[in-house]
């Protein structure tokens, strides 16, 4: 990582000269976000877009193309001109889970898009209704064993991380919970007691827990969270298991290598800015700034991991 940061710093110093000698980019850049406005990926895409516009000297437009578990936005970038001016700012479900969940995608994430940089990583909080008797995940497992299939958990839909996490918990602890998939409103129903629990990303989960509207019974990071120091980790109840999400940037396959390298350097440089690091940590996430090789390795690892779970459970979305 030190080498990457030094290379990025050196490139940042040379960037004005490179830009002066090169015609790229000579038009507006588009960052496509496969999620609605106001969500975590959308917020960070706009932050990166502002800095990218300054350094590249071109306008940067953020477009929200949500739907189909992120596939609509990803396909749009996969079909764009391979000139590096159309970027995908997305999350790890799309390259690591979706290929297993959807049997017939009209694009291939591994062939039609190329990774640029992982920008940040984040985790999840297991939120529970305040009237739910268990105070920890270990207690929830014991509670559910006494009434198999009756303790309900919400998810963002079949095959999402919030669903697959519980599949792994059930498999490793021989416990049966009741899955209730949602498209939206799941935390509201946890608060109201319609379902007992939900895995919610850090940025949106911590305010619910801190305000007392829900209680936090586990965090999915390997270590306890500074914002919730009394909440146990997932691994304390299910040894060896953690769950991390991340956001990153891709562009269209066939983009010239020198343009890919420029984009990587820009995103790594921006991630290392103190104001960006603070912004990311304010969202209860951790800045990464990894290079394309690190990102490709991460994708391969998670692709295999989630593929095993999804195939074993026979989960399909088409």
C-alpha atoms as a PDB file:
ATOM      1  CA  UNK A   1       0.000   0.000   0.000  1.00  0.00           C
ATOM      2  CA  UNK A   2       2.894   2.353   0.735  1.00  0.00           C
ATOM      3  CA  UNK A   3       4.188   1.927  -2.824  1.00  0.00           C
ATOM      4  CA  UNK A   4       0.747   2.702  -4.231  1.00  0.00           C
ATOM      5  CA  UNK A   5       0.442   5.839  -2.154  1.00  0.00           C
ATOM      6  CA  UNK A   6       3.876   7.087  -3.167  1.00  0.00           C
ATOM      7  CA  UNK A   7       3.094   6.412  -6.819  1.00  0.00           C
ATOM      8  CA  UNK A   8      -0.194   8.247  -6.491  1.00  0.00           C
ATOM      9  CA  UNK A   9       1.507  11.212  -4.834  1.00  0.00           C
ATOM     10  CA  UNK A  10       4.124  11.377  -7.579  1.00  0.00           C
ATOM     11  CA  UNK A  11       1.455  11.198 -10.246  1.00  0.00           C
ATOM     12  CA  UNK A  12      -0.522  13.967  -8.570  1.00  0.00           C
ATOM     13  CA  UNK A  13       2.515  16.243  -8.873  1.00  0.00           C
ATOM     14  CA  UNK A  14       2.901  15.368 -12.534  1.00  0.00           C
ATOM     15  CA  UNK A  15      -0.820  15.499 -13.369  1.00  0.00           C
ATOM     16  CA  UNK A  16      -0.906  19.072 -14.752  1.00  0.00           C
ATOM     17  CA  UNK A  17       1.876  18.243 -17.239  1.00  0.00           C
ATOM     18  CA  UNK A  18       0.242  14.981 -18.307  1.00  0.00           C
ATOM     19  CA  UNK A  19      -3.077  16.739 -18.790  1.00  0.00           C
ATOM     20  CA  UNK A  20      -1.478  19.434 -20.877  1.00  0.00           C
ATOM     21  CA  UNK A  21       0.086  16.836 -23.195  1.00  0.00           C
ATOM     22  CA  UNK A  22      -2.947  14.578 -23.524  1.00  0.00           C
ATOM     23  CA  UNK A  23      -6.365  15.118 -25.050  1.00  0.00           C
ATOM     24  CA  UNK A  24      -7.998  12.881 -22.439  1.00  0.00           C
ATOM     25  CA  UNK A  25     -10.491  13.686 -21.144  1.00  0.00           C
ATOM     26  CA  UNK A  26     -11.968  16.019 -23.720  1.00  0.00           C
ATOM     27  CA  UNK A  27     -15.613  15.714 -22.685  1.00  0.00           C
ATOM     28  CA  UNK A  28     -17.902  15.390 -19.672  1.00  0.00           C
ATOM     29  CA  UNK A  29     -17.356  12.342 -17.449  1.00  0.00           C
ATOM     30  CA  UNK A  30     -20.303  10.359 -16.121  1.00  0.00           C
ATOM     31  CA  UNK A  31     -20.336   8.442 -12.854  1.00  0.00           C
ATOM     32  CA  UNK A  32     -23.178   5.941 -12.876  1.00  0.00           C
ATOM     33  CA  UNK A  33     -24.494   4.898  -9.457  1.00  0.00           C
ATOM     34  CA  UNK A  34     -26.692   1.758  -9.461  1.00  0.00           C
ATOM     35  CA  UNK A  35     -28.495   2.924  -6.322  1.00  0.00           C
ATOM     36  CA  UNK A  36     -31.017   5.669  -5.488  1.00  0.00           C
ATOM     37  CA  UNK A  37     -30.071   9.259  -4.688  1.00  0.00           C
ATOM     38  CA  UNK A  38     -29.168   9.831  -1.059  1.00  0.00           C
ATOM     39  CA  UNK A  39     -27.758   6.361  -0.458  1.00  0.00           C
ATOM     40  CA  UNK A  40     -24.173   5.759   0.652  1.00  0.00           C
ATOM     41  CA  UNK A  41     -22.786   5.042  -2.849  1.00  0.00           C
ATOM     42  CA  UNK A  42     -24.568   8.087  -4.261  1.00  0.00           C
ATOM     43  CA  UNK A  43     -23.181  10.371  -1.550  1.00  0.00           C
ATOM     44  CA  UNK A  44     -19.602   9.231  -2.096  1.00  0.00           C
ATOM     45  CA  UNK A  45     -19.862   9.238  -5.900  1.00  0.00           C
ATOM     46  CA  UNK A  46     -20.770  12.916  -5.742  1.00  0.00           C
ATOM     47  CA  UNK A  47     -17.895  13.658  -3.377  1.00  0.00           C
ATOM     48  CA  UNK A  48     -15.421  11.923  -5.687  1.00  0.00           C
ATOM     49  CA  UNK A  49     -17.017  13.564  -8.712  1.00  0.00           C
ATOM     50  CA  UNK A  50     -16.360  17.063  -7.379  1.00  0.00           C
ATOM     51  CA  UNK A  51     -12.669  16.354  -6.854  1.00  0.00           C
ATOM     52  CA  UNK A  52     -12.327  14.496 -10.140  1.00  0.00           C
ATOM     53  CA  UNK A  53     -13.793  17.437 -12.037  1.00  0.00           C
ATOM     54  CA  UNK A  54     -11.239  19.790 -10.504  1.00  0.00           C
ATOM     55  CA  UNK A  55      -8.232  17.631 -11.298  1.00  0.00           C
ATOM     56  CA  UNK A  56      -9.288  16.575 -14.808  1.00  0.00           C
ATOM     57  CA  UNK A  57     -10.662  19.948 -15.877  1.00  0.00           C
ATOM     58  CA  UNK A  58     -13.954  18.524 -17.155  1.00  0.00           C
ATOM     59  CA  UNK A  59     -17.497  18.448 -15.756  1.00  0.00           C
ATOM     60  CA  UNK A  60     -18.457  15.251 -13.927  1.00  0.00           C
ATOM     61  CA  UNK A  61     -22.118  14.236 -13.872  1.00  0.00           C
ATOM     62  CA  UNK A  62     -23.510  11.644 -11.447  1.00  0.00           C
ATOM     63  CA  UNK A  63     -26.377   9.554 -12.827  1.00  0.00           C
ATOM     64  CA  UNK A  64     -28.532   7.265 -10.671  1.00  0.00           C
ATOM     65  CA  UNK A  65     -29.548   4.119 -12.544  1.00  0.00           C
ATOM     66  CA  UNK A  66     -30.971   1.950  -9.797  1.00  0.00           C
ATOM     67  CA  UNK A  67     -32.823  -1.322 -10.111  1.00  0.00           C
ATOM     68  CA  UNK A  68     -32.405  -5.074 -10.623  1.00  0.00           C
ATOM     69  CA  UNK A  69     -29.943  -5.388  -7.707  1.00  0.00           C
ATOM     70  CA  UNK A  70     -27.549  -2.959  -9.388  1.00  0.00           C
ATOM     71  CA  UNK A  71     -27.549  -4.673 -12.773  1.00  0.00           C
ATOM     72  CA  UNK A  72     -29.194  -1.783 -14.647  1.00  0.00           C
ATOM     73  CA  UNK A  73     -26.391   0.644 -13.836  1.00  0.00           C
ATOM     74  CA  UNK A  74     -23.645  -1.925 -14.325  1.00  0.00           C
ATOM     75  CA  UNK A  75     -24.964  -2.937 -17.749  1.00  0.00           C
ATOM     76  CA  UNK A  76     -25.145   0.696 -18.828  1.00  0.00           C
ATOM     77  CA  UNK A  77     -21.435   1.189 -18.128  1.00  0.00           C
ATOM     78  CA  UNK A  78     -20.576  -2.185 -19.666  1.00  0.00           C
ATOM     79  CA  UNK A  79     -22.150  -0.998 -22.933  1.00  0.00           C
ATOM     80  CA  UNK A  80     -20.584   2.486 -22.900  1.00  0.00           C
ATOM     81  CA  UNK A  81     -17.815   3.655 -25.208  1.00  0.00           C
ATOM     82  CA  UNK A  82     -14.465   2.314 -23.922  1.00  0.00           C
ATOM     83  CA  UNK A  83     -12.866   5.713 -23.469  1.00  0.00           C
ATOM     84  CA  UNK A  84     -12.820   5.994 -19.656  1.00  0.00           C
ATOM     85  CA  UNK A  85     -15.408   8.777 -19.485  1.00  0.00           C
ATOM     86  CA  UNK A  86     -18.201   6.547 -18.165  1.00  0.00           C
ATOM     87  CA  UNK A  87     -17.545   5.140 -14.694  1.00  0.00           C
ATOM     88  CA  UNK A  88     -19.477   2.829 -12.404  1.00  0.00           C
ATOM     89  CA  UNK A  89     -19.412   3.708  -8.707  1.00  0.00           C
ATOM     90  CA  UNK A  90     -20.900   0.647  -7.042  1.00  0.00           C
ATOM     91  CA  UNK A  91     -20.742  -1.906  -4.253  1.00  0.00           C
ATOM     92  CA  UNK A  92     -19.440  -5.440  -3.897  1.00  0.00           C
ATOM     93  CA  UNK A  93     -22.729  -7.322  -4.344  1.00  0.00           C
ATOM     94  CA  UNK A  94     -22.746  -6.627  -8.087  1.00  0.00           C
ATOM     95  CA  UNK A  95     -19.496  -8.434  -9.053  1.00  0.00           C
ATOM     96  CA  UNK A  96     -19.426 -11.040  -6.273  1.00  0.00           C
ATOM     97  CA  UNK A  97     -23.052 -12.116  -5.706  1.00  0.00           C
ATOM     98  CA  UNK A  98     -25.116 -11.140  -8.745  1.00  0.00           C
ATOM     99  CA  UNK A  99     -23.390 -13.495 -11.222  1.00  0.00           C
ATOM    100  CA  UNK A 100     -24.503 -16.405  -9.016  1.00  0.00           C
ATOM    101  CA  UNK A 101     -27.989 -15.042  -8.335  1.00  0.00           C
ATOM    102  CA  UNK A 102     -28.919 -14.214 -11.929  1.00  0.00           C
ATOM    103  CA  UNK A 103     -28.495 -17.014 -14.427  1.00  0.00           C
ATOM    104  CA  UNK A 104     -28.923 -14.857 -17.535  1.00  0.00           C
ATOM    105  CA  UNK A 105     -27.309 -11.445 -17.251  1.00  0.00           C
ATOM    106  CA  UNK A 106     -26.960  -9.424 -20.441  1.00  0.00           C
ATOM    107  CA  UNK A 107     -23.441  -8.369 -19.481  1.00  0.00           C
ATOM    108  CA  UNK A 108     -20.410 -10.047 -17.907  1.00  0.00           C
ATOM    109  CA  UNK A 109     -18.953  -8.099 -14.984  1.00  0.00           C
ATOM    110  CA  UNK A 110     -15.552  -9.779 -15.401  1.00  0.00           C
ATOM    111  CA  UNK A 111     -15.301  -9.281 -19.167  1.00  0.00           C
ATOM    112  CA  UNK A 112     -17.199  -6.070 -19.847  1.00  0.00           C
ATOM    113  CA  UNK A 113     -15.913  -3.915 -16.972  1.00  0.00           C
ATOM    114  CA  UNK A 114     -12.464  -3.348 -15.508  1.00  0.00           C
ATOM    115  CA  UNK A 115     -11.771  -2.474 -11.850  1.00  0.00           C
ATOM    116  CA  UNK A 116     -10.146   0.846 -11.015  1.00  0.00           C
ATOM    117  CA  UNK A 117     -10.034   1.218  -7.211  1.00  0.00           C
ATOM    118  CA  UNK A 118     -11.772   0.193  -3.994  1.00  0.00           C
ATOM    119  CA  UNK A 119     -12.564   3.452  -2.224  1.00  0.00           C
ATOM    120  CA  UNK A 120     -13.880   2.352   1.170  1.00  0.00           C
ATOM    121  CA  UNK A 121     -15.022  -0.573   3.263  1.00  0.00           C
ATOM    122  CA  UNK A 122     -17.857  -0.732   5.740  1.00  0.00           C
ATOM    123  CA  UNK A 123     -19.729  -3.195   7.900  1.00  0.00           C
ATOM    124  CA  UNK A 124     -23.187  -3.903   9.224  1.00  0.00           C
ATOM    125  CA  UNK A 125     -24.943  -3.669  12.556  1.00  0.00           C
ATOM    126  CA  UNK A 126     -27.465  -6.330  13.519  1.00  0.00           C
ATOM    127  CA  UNK A 127     -30.335  -4.179  14.763  1.00  0.00           C
ATOM    128  CA  UNK A 128     -33.174  -5.604  16.833  1.00  0.00           C
ATOM    129  CA  UNK A 129     -36.514  -4.394  18.090  1.00  0.00           C
ATOM    130  CA  UNK A 130     -36.217  -2.972  21.604  1.00  0.00           C
ATOM    131  CA  UNK A 131     -38.784  -5.486  22.908  1.00  0.00           C
ATOM    132  CA  UNK A 132     -36.899  -8.462  21.463  1.00  0.00           C
ATOM    133  CA  UNK A 133     -35.671 -10.346  24.572  1.00  0.00           C
ATOM    134  CA  UNK A 134     -32.120 -11.283  23.441  1.00  0.00           C
ATOM    135  CA  UNK A 135     -29.431  -8.647  23.895  1.00  0.00           C
ATOM    136  CA  UNK A 136     -26.700 -10.344  21.830  1.00  0.00           C
ATOM    137  CA  UNK A 137     -26.551 -12.540  18.757  1.00  0.00           C
ATOM    138  CA  UNK A 138     -25.540 -15.496  20.918  1.00  0.00           C
ATOM    139  CA  UNK A 139     -28.701 -15.006  22.962  1.00  0.00           C
ATOM    140  CA  UNK A 140     -30.758 -14.615  19.770  1.00  0.00           C
ATOM    141  CA  UNK A 141     -29.451 -17.943  18.482  1.00  0.00           C
ATOM    142  CA  UNK A 142     -30.431 -19.680  21.719  1.00  0.00           C
ATOM    143  CA  UNK A 143     -33.822 -17.956  21.631  1.00  0.00           C
ATOM    144  CA  UNK A 144     -34.470 -19.023  18.016  1.00  0.00           C
ATOM    145  CA  UNK A 145     -33.493 -22.642  18.693  1.00  0.00           C
ATOM    146  CA  UNK A 146     -36.346 -22.856  21.181  1.00  0.00           C
ATOM    147  CA  UNK A 147     -38.850 -21.831  18.476  1.00  0.00           C
ATOM    148  CA  UNK A 148     -37.507 -22.907  15.039  1.00  0.00           C
ATOM    149  CA  UNK A 149     -38.636 -20.848  12.076  1.00  0.00           C
ATOM    150  CA  UNK A 150     -40.540 -18.296  14.141  1.00  0.00           C
ATOM    151  CA  UNK A 151     -37.961 -15.571  14.865  1.00  0.00           C
ATOM    152  CA  UNK A 152     -38.114 -13.269  11.841  1.00  0.00           C
ATOM    153  CA  UNK A 153     -35.288 -11.298  10.278  1.00  0.00           C
ATOM    154  CA  UNK A 154     -35.647  -8.733   7.501  1.00  0.00           C
ATOM    155  CA  UNK A 155     -33.368  -8.333   4.500  1.00  0.00           C
ATOM    156  CA  UNK A 156     -32.931  -6.072   1.490  1.00  0.00           C
ATOM    157  CA  UNK A 157     -34.115  -8.986  -0.634  1.00  0.00           C
ATOM    158  CA  UNK A 158     -33.120 -12.555  -1.508  1.00  0.00           C
ATOM    159  CA  UNK A 159     -29.418 -12.921  -2.194  1.00  0.00           C
ATOM    160  CA  UNK A 160     -28.355  -9.637  -0.621  1.00  0.00           C
ATOM    161  CA  UNK A 161     -25.676  -9.518   2.055  1.00  0.00           C
ATOM    162  CA  UNK A 162     -28.318  -8.944   4.728  1.00  0.00           C
ATOM    163  CA  UNK A 163     -29.956 -12.230   3.669  1.00  0.00           C
ATOM    164  CA  UNK A 164     -26.828 -14.315   3.045  1.00  0.00           C
ATOM    165  CA  UNK A 165     -25.368 -13.369   6.433  1.00  0.00           C
ATOM    166  CA  UNK A 166     -28.282 -15.081   8.125  1.00  0.00           C
ATOM    167  CA  UNK A 167     -27.960 -18.089   5.830  1.00  0.00           C
ATOM    168  CA  UNK A 168     -24.395 -18.528   7.052  1.00  0.00           C
ATOM    169  CA  UNK A 169     -25.446 -18.016  10.688  1.00  0.00           C
ATOM    170  CA  UNK A 170     -28.177 -20.633  10.320  1.00  0.00           C
ATOM    171  CA  UNK A 171     -25.810 -23.075   8.641  1.00  0.00           C
ATOM    172  CA  UNK A 172     -23.023 -22.721  11.178  1.00  0.00           C
ATOM    173  CA  UNK A 173     -25.231 -22.689  14.274  1.00  0.00           C
ATOM    174  CA  UNK A 174     -27.903 -25.195  13.112  1.00  0.00           C
ATOM    175  CA  UNK A 175     -30.585 -22.608  13.829  1.00  0.00           C
ATOM    176  CA  UNK A 176     -33.687 -21.814  11.790  1.00  0.00           C
ATOM    177  CA  UNK A 177     -34.859 -18.198  11.482  1.00  0.00           C
ATOM    178  CA  UNK A 178     -37.697 -16.824   9.329  1.00  0.00           C
ATOM    179  CA  UNK A 179     -36.593 -14.725   6.332  1.00  0.00           C
ATOM    180  CA  UNK A 180     -38.782 -11.724   5.451  1.00  0.00           C
ATOM    181  CA  UNK A 181     -37.412  -9.980   2.319  1.00  0.00           C
ATOM    182  CA  UNK A 182     -38.042  -6.264   1.786  1.00  0.00           C
ATOM    183  CA  UNK A 183     -37.391  -3.665  -0.874  1.00  0.00           C
ATOM    184  CA  UNK A 184     -37.617  -0.807   1.627  1.00  0.00           C
ATOM    185  CA  UNK A 185     -38.945   0.006   5.084  1.00  0.00           C
ATOM    186  CA  UNK A 186     -37.317  -2.906   6.888  1.00  0.00           C
ATOM    187  CA  UNK A 187     -35.865  -0.845   9.744  1.00  0.00           C
ATOM    188  CA  UNK A 188     -39.240   0.806  10.270  1.00  0.00           C
ATOM    189  CA  UNK A 189     -40.770  -2.636  10.715  1.00  0.00           C
ATOM    190  CA  UNK A 190     -37.994  -3.671  13.105  1.00  0.00           C
ATOM    191  CA  UNK A 191     -38.748  -0.587  15.205  1.00  0.00           C
ATOM    192  CA  UNK A 192     -42.461  -1.450  15.103  1.00  0.00           C
ATOM    193  CA  UNK A 193     -41.822  -5.069  16.060  1.00  0.00           C
ATOM    194  CA  UNK A 194     -43.094  -6.585  12.803  1.00  0.00           C
ATOM    195  CA  UNK A 195     -39.760  -8.384  12.432  1.00  0.00           C
ATOM    196  CA  UNK A 196     -37.155  -8.978  15.103  1.00  0.00           C
ATOM    197  CA  UNK A 197     -33.845  -8.143  13.416  1.00  0.00           C
ATOM    198  CA  UNK A 198     -32.094  -6.776  10.345  1.00  0.00           C
ATOM    199  CA  UNK A 199     -28.484  -6.336   9.210  1.00  0.00           C
ATOM    200  CA  UNK A 200     -28.183  -2.640   8.355  1.00  0.00           C
ATOM    201  CA  UNK A 201     -25.071  -0.872   6.942  1.00  0.00           C
ATOM    202  CA  UNK A 202     -23.068   1.171   9.436  1.00  0.00           C
ATOM    203  CA  UNK A 203     -23.938   4.662   8.093  1.00  0.00           C
ATOM    204  CA  UNK A 204     -27.687   4.185   8.507  1.00  0.00           C
ATOM    205  CA  UNK A 205     -27.606   1.699  11.414  1.00  0.00           C
ATOM    206  CA  UNK A 206     -25.558   3.660  13.943  1.00  0.00           C
ATOM    207  CA  UNK A 207     -28.016   6.598  14.208  1.00  0.00           C
ATOM    208  CA  UNK A 208     -30.892   4.156  14.855  1.00  0.00           C
ATOM    209  CA  UNK A 209     -28.910   2.423  17.596  1.00  0.00           C
ATOM    210  CA  UNK A 210     -27.562   5.641  19.102  1.00  0.00           C
ATOM    211  CA  UNK A 211     -31.019   7.221  19.246  1.00  0.00           C
ATOM    212  CA  UNK A 212     -32.461   4.238  21.089  1.00  0.00           C
ATOM    213  CA  UNK A 213     -35.031   3.481  18.383  1.00  0.00           C
ATOM    214  CA  UNK A 214     -33.498   0.018  18.063  1.00  0.00           C
ATOM    215  CA  UNK A 215     -30.860  -1.917  19.927  1.00  0.00           C
ATOM    216  CA  UNK A 216     -27.623  -3.155  18.378  1.00  0.00           C
ATOM    217  CA  UNK A 217     -26.804  -6.774  19.148  1.00  0.00           C
ATOM    218  CA  UNK A 218     -23.807  -7.435  16.874  1.00  0.00           C
ATOM    219  CA  UNK A 219     -21.402  -5.748  14.474  1.00  0.00           C
ATOM    220  CA  UNK A 220     -19.941  -7.572  11.481  1.00  0.00           C
ATOM    221  CA  UNK A 221     -16.408  -6.181  11.564  1.00  0.00           C
ATOM    222  CA  UNK A 222     -13.550  -8.314  12.968  1.00  0.00           C
ATOM    223  CA  UNK A 223     -13.173  -5.836  15.849  1.00  0.00           C
ATOM    224  CA  UNK A 224     -15.759  -3.991  17.910  1.00  0.00           C
ATOM    225  CA  UNK A 225     -16.862  -0.641  16.575  1.00  0.00           C
ATOM    226  CA  UNK A 226     -15.652   2.514  18.315  1.00  0.00           C
ATOM    227  CA  UNK A 227     -19.103   4.073  17.964  1.00  0.00           C
ATOM    228  CA  UNK A 228     -20.704   1.024  19.653  1.00  0.00           C
ATOM    229  CA  UNK A 229     -17.974  -0.303  21.958  1.00  0.00           C
ATOM    230  CA  UNK A 230     -20.293  -2.492  24.050  1.00  0.00           C
ATOM    231  CA  UNK A 231     -21.754  -4.344  21.075  1.00  0.00           C
ATOM    232  CA  UNK A 232     -20.132  -7.762  20.420  1.00  0.00           C
ATOM    233  CA  UNK A 233     -18.792  -8.757  17.025  1.00  0.00           C
ATOM    234  CA  UNK A 234     -20.475 -11.369  14.869  1.00  0.00           C
ATOM    235  CA  UNK A 235     -17.454 -13.609  15.341  1.00  0.00           C
ATOM    236  CA  UNK A 236     -17.994 -13.680  19.105  1.00  0.00           C
ATOM    237  CA  UNK A 237     -21.167 -15.704  18.463  1.00  0.00           C
ATOM    238  CA  UNK A 238     -20.199 -17.363  15.163  1.00  0.00           C
ATOM    239  CA  UNK A 239     -16.409 -17.915  15.291  1.00  0.00           C
ATOM    240  CA  UNK A 240     -14.487 -17.005  12.166  1.00  0.00           C
ATOM    241  CA  UNK A 241     -17.369 -15.174  10.501  1.00  0.00           C
ATOM    242  CA  UNK A 242     -17.360 -11.504   9.590  1.00  0.00           C
ATOM    243  CA  UNK A 243     -19.170  -9.519   6.927  1.00  0.00           C
ATOM    244  CA  UNK A 244     -17.738  -6.465   5.200  1.00  0.00           C
ATOM    245  CA  UNK A 245     -19.069  -4.437   2.337  1.00  0.00           C
ATOM    246  CA  UNK A 246     -17.123  -2.090   0.112  1.00  0.00           C
ATOM    247  CA  UNK A 247     -17.522   0.476  -2.621  1.00  0.00           C
ATOM    248  CA  UNK A 248     -15.398   0.874  -5.699  1.00  0.00           C
ATOM    249  CA  UNK A 249     -15.003   2.199  -9.216  1.00  0.00           C
ATOM    250  CA  UNK A 250     -15.066   0.429 -12.579  1.00  0.00           C
ATOM    251  CA  UNK A 251     -14.926   1.572 -16.178  1.00  0.00           C
ATOM    252  CA  UNK A 252     -15.730  -0.052 -19.502  1.00  0.00           C
ATOM    253  CA  UNK A 253     -13.476  -2.863 -20.727  1.00  0.00           C
ATOM    254  CA  UNK A 254     -11.309  -1.845 -23.655  1.00  0.00           C
ATOM    255  CA  UNK A 255     -10.505   1.543 -22.131  1.00  0.00           C
ATOM    256  CA  UNK A 256      -6.846   2.337 -22.988  1.00  0.00           C
ATOM    257  CA  UNK A 257      -4.418   1.201 -20.250  1.00  0.00           C
ATOM    258  CA  UNK A 258      -3.012   4.702 -19.807  1.00  0.00           C
ATOM    259  CA  UNK A 259      -6.519   6.055 -19.137  1.00  0.00           C
ATOM    260  CA  UNK A 260      -7.202   3.254 -16.647  1.00  0.00           C
ATOM    261  CA  UNK A 261      -3.929   4.121 -14.900  1.00  0.00           C
ATOM    262  CA  UNK A 262      -4.842   7.802 -14.774  1.00  0.00           C
ATOM    263  CA  UNK A 263      -8.242   7.027 -13.273  1.00  0.00           C
ATOM    264  CA  UNK A 264      -6.686   4.723 -10.685  1.00  0.00           C
ATOM    265  CA  UNK A 265      -4.159   7.362  -9.678  1.00  0.00           C
ATOM    266  CA  UNK A 266      -6.861  10.001  -9.367  1.00  0.00           C
ATOM    267  CA  UNK A 267      -9.155   7.876  -7.195  1.00  0.00           C
ATOM    268  CA  UNK A 268      -6.290   6.695  -4.970  1.00  0.00           C
ATOM    269  CA  UNK A 269      -5.098  10.303  -4.588  1.00  0.00           C
ATOM    270  CA  UNK A 270      -8.572  11.594  -3.762  1.00  0.00           C
ATOM    271  CA  UNK A 271      -9.142   8.811  -1.209  1.00  0.00           C
ATOM    272  CA  UNK A 272      -5.958   9.814   0.603  1.00  0.00           C
ATOM    273  CA  UNK A 273      -7.009  13.446   1.007  1.00  0.00           C
ATOM    274  CA  UNK A 274      -7.570  14.204   4.728  1.00  0.00           C
ATOM    275  CA  UNK A 275     -11.003  15.722   4.052  1.00  0.00           C
ATOM    276  CA  UNK A 276     -12.103  12.607   2.153  1.00  0.00           C
ATOM    277  CA  UNK A 277     -10.789  10.294   4.832  1.00  0.00           C
ATOM    278  CA  UNK A 278     -12.741  12.280   7.417  1.00  0.00           C
ATOM    279  CA  UNK A 279     -15.881  12.203   5.275  1.00  0.00           C
ATOM    280  CA  UNK A 280     -15.622   8.424   4.912  1.00  0.00           C
ATOM    281  CA  UNK A 281     -15.035   7.898   8.637  1.00  0.00           C
ATOM    282  CA  UNK A 282     -17.947  10.200   9.433  1.00  0.00           C
ATOM    283  CA  UNK A 283     -20.032   7.603   7.574  1.00  0.00           C
ATOM    284  CA  UNK A 284     -18.662   4.918   9.920  1.00  0.00           C
ATOM    285  CA  UNK A 285     -16.578   3.455   7.102  1.00  0.00           C
ATOM    286  CA  UNK A 286     -12.866   3.035   6.449  1.00  0.00           C
ATOM    287  CA  UNK A 287     -10.958   4.574   3.509  1.00  0.00           C
ATOM    288  CA  UNK A 288      -9.111   2.041   1.365  1.00  0.00           C
ATOM    289  CA  UNK A 289      -7.734   3.558  -1.848  1.00  0.00           C
ATOM    290  CA  UNK A 290      -6.563   0.203  -3.196  1.00  0.00           C
ATOM    291  CA  UNK A 291      -5.295  -0.282  -6.724  1.00  0.00           C
ATOM    292  CA  UNK A 292      -6.919  -2.257  -9.538  1.00  0.00           C
ATOM    293  CA  UNK A 293      -4.927  -5.405  -8.774  1.00  0.00           C
ATOM    294  CA  UNK A 294      -6.018  -5.373  -5.123  1.00  0.00           C
ATOM    295  CA  UNK A 295      -9.604  -4.851  -6.222  1.00  0.00           C
ATOM    296  CA  UNK A 296      -9.524  -7.743  -8.698  1.00  0.00           C
ATOM    297  CA  UNK A 297      -8.100 -10.036  -6.021  1.00  0.00           C
ATOM    298  CA  UNK A 298     -10.806  -9.020  -3.555  1.00  0.00           C
ATOM    299  CA  UNK A 299     -13.515  -9.679  -6.131  1.00  0.00           C
ATOM    300  CA  UNK A 300     -12.167 -13.165  -6.925  1.00  0.00           C
ATOM    301  CA  UNK A 301     -12.063 -14.088  -3.246  1.00  0.00           C
ATOM    302  CA  UNK A 302     -15.608 -12.909  -2.514  1.00  0.00           C
ATOM    303  CA  UNK A 303     -16.950 -14.341  -5.770  1.00  0.00           C
ATOM    304  CA  UNK A 304     -15.958 -17.828  -4.679  1.00  0.00           C
ATOM    305  CA  UNK A 305     -17.146 -17.330  -1.093  1.00  0.00           C
ATOM    306  CA  UNK A 306     -20.626 -16.104  -1.954  1.00  0.00           C
ATOM    307  CA  UNK A 307     -20.965 -18.484  -4.872  1.00  0.00           C
ATOM    308  CA  UNK A 308     -20.578 -21.428  -2.515  1.00  0.00           C
ATOM    309  CA  UNK A 309     -23.301 -20.117  -0.183  1.00  0.00           C
ATOM    310  CA  UNK A 310     -25.731 -19.133  -2.936  1.00  0.00           C
ATOM    311  CA  UNK A 311     -25.413 -22.435  -4.802  1.00  0.00           C
ATOM    312  CA  UNK A 312     -25.711 -24.498  -1.603  1.00  0.00           C
ATOM    313  CA  UNK A 313     -28.941 -22.693  -0.715  1.00  0.00           C
ATOM    314  CA  UNK A 314     -30.318 -22.723  -4.256  1.00  0.00           C
ATOM    315  CA  UNK A 315     -30.988 -18.987  -4.252  1.00  0.00           C
ATOM    316  CA  UNK A 316     -31.928 -17.549  -7.662  1.00  0.00           C
ATOM    317  CA  UNK A 317     -33.417 -14.211  -8.682  1.00  0.00           C
ATOM    318  CA  UNK A 318     -34.446 -14.948 -12.274  1.00  0.00           C
END
